[in-house]
Protein backbone atom coordinates (compact mmCIF):
# COMPACT_ATOMS: atom_id res chain seq x y z
CA MET A 1 -40.45 -1.08 26.27
CA ALA A 2 -39.17 -4.05 28.82
CA PHE A 3 -37.19 -2.88 31.85
CA GLY A 4 -34.41 -4.76 32.98
CA ASP A 5 -33.21 -5.74 36.48
CA PHE A 6 -31.06 -1.56 36.17
CA THR A 7 -33.04 0.55 33.89
CA LEU A 8 -31.67 3.95 32.70
CA LEU A 9 -34.07 6.29 31.07
CA VAL A 10 -31.80 9.57 29.15
CA GLY A 11 -33.12 12.26 27.52
CA PRO A 12 -33.02 16.44 27.18
CA GLN A 13 -35.07 18.32 29.74
CA ALA A 14 -39.06 18.58 29.11
CA SER A 15 -38.76 15.24 27.50
CA GLY A 16 -40.95 12.99 29.66
CA LYS A 17 -39.13 10.74 31.77
CA SER A 18 -40.91 12.15 35.25
CA ILE A 19 -44.29 11.81 33.52
CA PHE A 20 -43.13 8.41 32.18
CA LEU A 21 -41.89 7.41 35.57
CA GLN A 22 -44.80 9.02 37.83
CA LEU A 23 -47.34 7.57 35.57
CA LEU A 24 -45.57 3.80 36.34
CA LYS A 25 -46.05 4.88 39.91
CA LEU A 26 -49.52 5.43 39.38
CA ILE A 27 -50.37 2.00 37.74
CA ILE A 28 -48.15 -0.09 39.95
CA ASP A 29 -49.88 1.84 43.34
CA ARG A 30 -53.04 3.13 42.51
CA HIS A 31 -55.17 1.26 44.81
CA HIS A 32 -51.88 2.60 47.58
CA ILE A 33 -52.11 5.95 46.47
CA SER A 34 -55.58 6.37 46.14
CA ASN A 35 -55.71 5.22 50.32
CA THR A 36 -53.09 7.53 50.93
CA LEU A 37 -54.47 10.66 49.55
CA ARG A 38 -57.91 9.86 51.35
CA ILE A 39 -56.13 8.89 54.95
CA ASN A 40 -54.48 12.68 54.29
CA GLY A 41 -58.19 13.92 54.17
CA PHE A 42 -58.19 14.45 50.15
CA ASP A 43 -61.19 14.57 48.14
CA TRP A 44 -61.62 14.25 44.66
CA GLY A 45 -65.29 13.88 44.52
CA GLY A 46 -65.36 10.61 42.43
CA ARG A 47 -64.25 11.98 39.45
CA ALA A 48 -60.57 11.01 38.13
CA GLU A 49 -59.61 14.19 36.37
CA ASN A 50 -59.40 15.82 39.78
CA LEU A 51 -57.46 13.12 41.25
CA LEU A 52 -55.14 13.01 38.55
CA GLU A 53 -54.57 16.49 38.93
CA LEU A 54 -53.71 15.39 43.25
CA PHE A 55 -51.15 12.78 42.11
CA PHE A 56 -49.47 14.46 38.72
CA GLY A 57 -49.54 18.16 40.53
CA GLU A 58 -51.63 20.99 39.65
CA SER A 59 -53.06 21.54 36.25
CA MET A 60 -50.62 18.93 35.13
CA SER A 61 -54.51 16.82 34.75
CA GLY A 62 -54.40 17.61 31.13
CA ILE A 63 -51.41 15.88 30.31
CA TRP A 64 -53.36 12.79 30.01
CA ARG A 65 -55.39 13.50 26.30
CA ALA A 66 -58.63 11.80 24.45
CA GLU A 67 -55.96 9.82 22.12
CA THR A 68 -54.04 8.96 25.06
CA GLU A 69 -53.62 5.30 25.38
CA VAL A 70 -51.33 3.66 28.20
CA LYS A 71 -51.09 -0.35 28.49
CA PHE A 72 -48.46 -2.11 31.50
CA GLU A 73 -48.32 -5.49 30.94
CA GLY A 74 -50.75 -6.25 28.92
CA LYS A 75 -53.37 -4.24 30.94
CA SER A 76 -55.08 -1.14 29.06
CA TYR A 77 -55.46 1.69 31.71
CA THR A 78 -57.75 4.89 31.29
CA PRO A 79 -57.82 7.40 33.84
CA ALA A 80 -61.36 5.86 35.14
CA SER A 81 -58.80 2.89 36.36
CA PHE A 82 -57.13 4.79 39.74
CA LEU A 83 -60.74 5.46 40.41
CA PRO A 84 -60.82 3.35 44.07
CA LYS A 85 -63.14 0.28 43.39
CA GLN A 86 -64.97 -1.64 46.44
CA GLY A 87 -63.45 -5.00 47.46
CA VAL A 88 -59.41 -4.38 46.78
CA GLY A 89 -57.93 -6.38 49.34
CA GLU A 90 -55.29 -4.75 51.83
CA ALA A 91 -52.94 -6.62 50.09
CA ALA A 92 -53.30 -4.47 47.08
CA LYS A 93 -53.42 -1.11 49.13
CA GLU A 94 -49.71 -1.95 49.86
CA GLU A 95 -46.97 -0.19 48.30
CA ARG A 96 -44.95 -1.71 45.61
CA LEU A 97 -42.76 0.80 43.80
CA PHE A 98 -40.78 3.49 45.93
CA TYR A 99 -40.39 6.69 44.26
CA ILE A 100 -37.26 8.74 44.99
CA PRO A 101 -38.19 12.50 43.12
CA ALA A 102 -35.46 14.79 42.07
CA GLN A 103 -36.82 17.62 44.16
CA ARG A 104 -35.78 15.84 47.56
CA VAL A 105 -34.20 18.39 48.77
CA VAL A 106 -37.06 20.50 48.96
CA THR A 107 -38.22 17.66 51.60
CA MET A 108 -35.89 19.02 54.12
CA TYR A 109 -37.19 22.10 56.32
CA GLN A 110 -34.84 22.93 59.19
CA GLY A 111 -32.97 20.08 58.69
CA TRP A 112 -35.80 17.61 59.25
CA PRO A 113 -38.34 15.80 56.66
CA ARG A 114 -41.86 17.35 55.73
CA SER A 115 -45.46 15.83 56.43
CA PHE A 116 -47.45 14.77 53.97
CA GLY A 117 -49.48 17.26 54.99
CA ALA A 118 -47.08 20.37 55.16
CA PHE A 119 -47.22 20.13 51.74
CA ASP A 120 -49.41 22.63 49.17
CA ILE A 121 -52.36 20.45 47.91
CA GLY A 122 -50.57 21.09 44.19
CA ASP A 123 -47.28 19.25 45.10
CA PRO A 124 -46.77 16.11 42.94
CA TYR A 125 -47.77 12.75 45.31
CA VAL A 126 -44.74 11.79 44.61
CA LEU A 127 -43.08 14.23 46.28
CA LYS A 128 -45.40 14.53 49.86
CA SER A 129 -45.17 10.27 49.73
CA PHE A 130 -41.38 10.21 50.05
CA SER A 131 -40.99 13.11 52.36
CA GLU A 132 -43.72 11.63 54.68
CA THR A 133 -42.21 8.03 54.24
CA VAL A 134 -38.52 9.33 55.65
CA ARG A 135 -40.09 11.57 58.26
CA VAL A 136 -41.77 8.32 59.79
CA LEU A 137 -38.68 6.43 59.55
CA MET A 138 -37.06 9.27 61.26
CA GLU A 139 -39.44 9.47 64.29
CA LYS A 140 -39.39 6.00 64.62
CA GLU A 141 -35.80 5.98 65.43
CA SER A 142 -36.27 9.46 67.35
CA SER A 143 -38.63 7.74 69.70
CA ASN A 144 -36.00 5.10 70.47
CA GLY A 145 -33.52 7.31 71.70
CA LYS A 146 -33.08 8.57 75.21
CA GLY A 147 -33.10 12.56 74.91
CA HIS A 148 -29.45 12.81 73.25
CA PRO A 149 -28.10 13.75 70.14
CA GLY A 150 -27.37 10.15 68.15
CA LYS A 151 -25.49 9.36 65.43
CA VAL A 152 -27.28 8.61 61.64
CA PHE A 153 -24.27 8.57 59.53
CA PRO A 154 -22.05 6.36 59.48
CA THR A 155 -23.11 3.76 61.32
CA SER A 156 -23.04 0.03 61.46
CA GLY A 157 -25.64 -1.96 60.94
CA ARG A 158 -26.91 0.81 58.11
CA ILE A 159 -25.46 -0.23 54.88
CA LYS A 160 -22.53 -2.57 54.44
CA GLU A 161 -19.35 -1.28 55.33
CA PRO A 162 -17.69 -1.35 52.09
CA LEU A 163 -20.43 1.01 50.73
CA ARG A 164 -20.64 3.13 53.99
CA LYS A 165 -16.87 3.76 53.46
CA ALA A 166 -17.27 5.26 49.95
CA LEU A 167 -20.20 7.42 51.12
CA ASP A 168 -18.22 8.78 53.92
CA GLU A 169 -15.19 9.34 51.72
CA SER A 170 -16.82 10.97 48.20
CA ILE A 171 -19.25 12.79 50.15
CA PHE A 172 -18.98 13.59 53.98
CA TYR A 173 -15.36 13.36 54.31
CA GLY A 174 -15.43 12.15 57.73
CA ALA A 175 -18.09 14.43 59.11
CA THR A 176 -20.78 12.30 60.95
CA ILE A 177 -24.35 13.38 60.43
CA GLU A 178 -26.27 13.53 63.92
CA MET A 179 -29.77 13.99 65.21
CA ASP A 180 -30.44 17.10 67.41
CA ARG A 181 -32.80 16.26 70.29
CA SER A 182 -31.69 19.13 71.91
CA SER A 183 -34.11 22.02 71.21
CA LEU A 184 -37.58 21.78 70.68
CA LYS A 185 -37.28 20.48 66.92
CA LYS A 186 -35.97 17.77 65.92
CA ARG A 187 -33.34 18.45 62.82
CA PHE A 188 -29.92 17.01 61.43
CA LEU A 189 -27.22 18.41 62.42
CA LEU A 190 -23.25 17.74 60.56
CA GLN A 191 -20.63 17.83 63.03
CA VAL A 192 -17.33 18.54 61.72
CA GLY A 193 -14.24 18.85 63.86
CA GLY A 194 -15.91 20.71 66.62
CA SER A 195 -18.78 22.76 65.17
CA LYS A 196 -21.72 20.89 64.21
CA LEU A 197 -23.03 22.38 60.95
CA PRO A 198 -27.34 23.25 60.71
CA PHE A 199 -28.66 21.50 57.27
CA MET A 200 -28.77 24.91 55.35
CA ASN A 201 -24.74 25.49 55.84
CA TRP A 202 -23.85 21.77 54.79
CA SER A 203 -22.43 21.84 50.83
CA ALA A 204 -25.36 21.42 48.51
CA GLY A 205 -24.15 17.80 47.64
CA GLN A 206 -24.61 16.57 51.13
CA LYS A 207 -28.08 18.54 51.52
CA GLU A 208 -28.98 16.84 48.26
CA PHE A 209 -27.97 13.40 49.58
CA MET A 210 -28.97 13.30 53.09
CA PRO A 211 -32.89 12.88 51.76
CA LEU A 212 -31.70 9.86 49.40
CA LEU A 213 -28.89 8.13 52.48
CA LEU A 214 -32.76 8.81 54.40
CA SER A 215 -34.95 6.31 51.45
CA LEU A 216 -31.72 4.07 51.58
CA TYR A 217 -31.99 3.90 55.24
CA HIS A 218 -36.22 2.89 54.54
CA LEU A 219 -35.23 0.53 51.38
CA ILE A 220 -31.99 -1.48 53.24
CA PRO A 221 -33.51 -3.16 56.66
CA SER A 222 -30.97 -3.82 58.84
CA SER A 223 -32.66 -6.96 59.76
CA LYS A 224 -32.09 -10.21 57.41
CA VAL A 225 -34.86 -9.49 55.30
CA SER A 226 -33.28 -8.28 52.18
CA THR A 227 -36.54 -5.79 51.20
CA LYS A 228 -38.78 -3.76 52.43
CA GLY A 229 -42.44 -4.78 52.81
CA ASN A 230 -43.79 -5.31 49.18
CA ILE A 231 -41.50 -3.23 48.35
CA GLN A 232 -40.22 -4.71 44.30
CA TRP A 233 -39.55 -1.52 42.33
CA VAL A 234 -37.19 1.66 43.20
CA VAL A 235 -37.44 4.79 41.05
CA ILE A 236 -34.87 6.96 41.40
CA GLU A 237 -34.53 10.56 39.53
CA GLU A 238 -31.42 12.10 38.86
CA PRO A 239 -29.27 10.41 41.69
CA GLU A 240 -26.65 12.64 40.46
CA MET A 241 -27.68 16.04 41.67
CA GLY A 242 -25.33 18.00 43.58
CA LEU A 243 -22.55 14.84 43.41
CA HIS A 244 -18.86 15.00 41.89
CA PRO A 245 -18.19 12.22 39.99
CA ARG A 246 -16.47 10.46 42.15
CA ALA A 247 -19.45 10.17 44.44
CA ILE A 248 -22.08 9.83 41.69
CA GLN A 249 -19.83 6.32 41.45
CA SER A 250 -20.12 5.45 45.26
CA VAL A 251 -24.39 5.80 44.85
CA LEU A 252 -23.88 3.98 41.98
CA LEU A 253 -22.57 0.89 44.58
CA VAL A 254 -25.30 1.13 46.55
CA CYS A 255 -27.78 0.45 43.22
CA LEU A 256 -25.95 -1.98 43.04
CA GLU A 257 -26.41 -3.11 46.65
CA LEU A 258 -30.64 -2.44 44.98
CA ILE A 259 -30.15 -4.64 42.92
CA GLU A 260 -28.70 -7.62 44.59
CA ARG A 261 -30.78 -7.70 46.86
CA GLY A 262 -34.06 -7.93 44.44
CA TYR A 263 -35.44 -4.80 43.45
CA LYS A 264 -36.07 -3.23 40.06
CA VAL A 265 -34.69 -0.16 39.91
CA VAL A 266 -35.66 2.73 37.31
CA VAL A 267 -33.06 6.09 37.12
CA SER A 268 -33.66 8.73 35.29
CA THR A 269 -30.22 10.73 34.37
CA HIS A 270 -28.40 13.83 33.17
CA SER A 271 -25.23 11.41 33.78
CA PRO A 272 -22.64 10.25 31.99
CA VAL A 273 -21.23 8.47 35.00
CA LEU A 274 -23.93 5.96 35.12
CA ILE A 275 -24.22 5.29 31.31
CA GLU A 276 -20.57 4.55 31.56
CA LEU A 277 -21.22 1.99 34.29
CA ALA A 278 -24.79 0.89 31.97
CA TRP A 279 -21.59 0.26 29.53
CA ALA A 280 -18.59 -1.23 31.23
CA MET A 281 -21.48 -3.56 32.30
CA ASN A 282 -22.22 -5.15 29.11
CA TYR A 283 -18.54 -5.74 28.46
CA ILE A 284 -18.08 -7.56 31.69
CA GLN A 285 -20.81 -9.76 31.11
CA ALA A 286 -20.49 -11.02 27.19
CA TYR A 287 -16.67 -11.54 27.88
CA GLY A 288 -16.70 -13.31 31.48
CA GLY A 289 -15.68 -10.42 34.12
CA THR A 290 -15.36 -11.12 37.48
CA ALA A 291 -15.99 -9.27 40.76
CA ASP A 292 -12.74 -8.67 40.41
CA SER A 293 -13.73 -6.15 37.52
CA LEU A 294 -16.10 -4.20 39.31
CA PHE A 295 -13.55 -3.66 42.37
CA GLU A 296 -11.00 -2.41 39.89
CA LEU A 297 -13.74 -0.04 38.00
CA PHE A 298 -15.20 1.66 41.55
CA SER A 299 -11.75 1.58 43.09
CA ILE A 300 -13.06 -0.02 46.60
CA PRO A 301 -10.69 -2.38 48.74
CA LYS A 302 -11.92 -6.24 48.24
CA SER A 303 -13.90 -7.49 50.47
CA THR A 304 -15.71 -11.33 50.59
CA GLY A 305 -19.21 -9.46 50.67
CA LEU A 306 -18.79 -7.44 48.05
CA LYS A 307 -17.31 -10.25 45.82
CA LYS A 308 -20.53 -12.66 45.78
CA ASP A 309 -23.06 -9.97 45.49
CA PHE A 310 -20.66 -8.48 42.68
CA ASN A 311 -20.68 -12.06 40.97
CA HIS A 312 -24.52 -12.37 41.20
CA VAL A 313 -24.83 -8.97 39.68
CA ILE A 314 -23.09 -10.01 37.00
CA ALA A 315 -24.18 -13.10 36.54
CA ASN A 316 -27.79 -12.70 36.99
CA LYS A 317 -29.01 -8.99 36.77
CA THR A 318 -29.90 -7.26 33.35
CA PHE A 319 -28.99 -3.59 32.39
CA ARG A 320 -31.06 -2.04 29.87
CA THR A 321 -31.01 1.88 28.72
CA TYR A 322 -33.81 3.98 26.72
CA TYR A 323 -33.13 6.92 25.20
CA PHE A 324 -36.49 10.02 25.66
CA GLN A 325 -36.13 11.71 21.94
CA ARG A 326 -37.59 14.54 21.54
CA GLN A 327 -39.21 14.89 17.76
CA ASP A 328 -41.26 17.38 15.99
CA ALA A 329 -44.02 15.00 16.38
CA GLY A 330 -43.25 14.31 20.03
CA VAL A 331 -41.49 12.08 22.37
CA GLN A 332 -40.06 8.86 20.62
CA ILE A 333 -38.55 6.09 23.16
CA LYS A 334 -35.44 4.14 22.00
CA ASP A 335 -33.67 0.99 23.08
CA ILE A 336 -30.27 1.83 23.11
CA SER A 337 -29.15 -0.60 25.67
CA SER A 338 -25.96 -1.88 23.42
CA LEU A 339 -24.24 1.44 24.16
CA ASP A 340 -22.34 0.41 20.85
CA ALA A 341 -20.08 3.97 20.32
CA GLY A 342 -19.45 2.70 16.75
CA SER A 343 -23.53 2.41 15.73
CA GLU A 344 -24.20 4.11 12.99
CA ASP A 345 -27.45 4.89 14.76
CA ILE A 346 -26.24 8.09 16.42
CA ALA A 347 -28.87 8.34 19.04
CA ILE A 348 -27.05 4.43 20.55
CA ALA A 349 -23.42 6.08 19.16
CA ASN A 350 -23.71 8.78 21.26
CA TRP A 351 -25.87 7.60 24.59
CA GLY A 352 -28.74 9.75 24.39
CA GLY A 353 -26.78 12.50 23.70
CA LEU A 354 -24.45 12.51 26.67
CA SER A 355 -21.20 11.48 25.14
CA GLU A 356 -21.85 13.93 22.25
CA PHE A 357 -20.03 16.97 23.68
CA ALA A 358 -17.23 14.84 24.61
CA GLY A 359 -16.73 13.46 21.04
CA LYS A 360 -17.11 16.84 19.66
CA ALA A 361 -14.24 17.98 22.15
CA ALA A 362 -12.51 15.20 20.66
CA ASP A 363 -12.69 15.80 17.31
CA VAL A 364 -11.97 18.90 17.90
CA VAL A 365 -8.31 18.94 19.32
CA SER A 366 -8.02 15.45 17.00
CA LYS A 367 -8.06 17.64 14.35
CA LEU A 368 -5.62 20.47 15.14
CA ALA A 369 -3.64 18.55 17.38
CA SER A 370 -3.28 17.11 13.40
CA HIS A 371 -2.95 20.31 12.07
CA GLU A 372 -0.10 21.42 14.42
CA GLU A 373 1.92 18.32 13.09
CA LYS A 374 2.09 19.36 9.68
């Protein structure tokens, strides 16, 4: 499997996409993960199966069977490969893949990110690590304040202005997010008109997007640095959760910003909107499209900065799509990057099943219309 700069994974539930992505995280950040677990007081007793249990979650170590073979970039891995080794330098312990899990909304407790230790021992590592990262980020932000509410979104210096505007118009509709430090416990509030709403009173989409927004603050530094630390990869599980298709388009704009900055972005999705972007990019790149094509696609005003970014993405970035296809013998991963609706391969023609219902609906309506004409 060859990753692009932007890689989409599609397929039905329980087809292994999440396990695959967590395994990618484990391989790339194995030294960082064992070090983080140790710092937070976890002990696997030198046993690989215990370490897998701490990483994947309770009762999940059994997914690695005796016949399991794992290779990445030409190197083979066994459970013992992830046990910490002597002589590993500090550079090897740096995080290189930032993982944004599908369950990200549960990281918010009473309107504030939970700490690593606030989760159950059997919860997946990627959930704990994500929550801890955005919590530390926000704690640092709050410590720089002066004891009064501070605006979290929208604010200058955080994400480019055209992208902020797109997110505002499609998710928050002019409302602002503030950090409330007036009580004994810090929390986020949504200011709508004269009201300040606690987190549980936000819309479902706003609650789902808030942790994703905080992760973007982590990945897109306000300084002139393009990327955060040594992070090279970004995994986002189901960015569409709770969002209207127009809001999903705004999130896609941010994904393009991430790959333009140099991150390799891997996304699992059940939304045809993301596949439509990959399909459109195939044609834009093949037929000499320019930044104007993306401005039109996203229905956003033209700007000099975005024009430069869009042209760079079109000229230099690659897009790949893979279908996790359930079969009697297991799951086959199929490259459907061409997304050719006329392909004889049903998996490609139906975009991994995401356009199948729309195609059937069109067929039914077409037959009824044809019958009516007769």
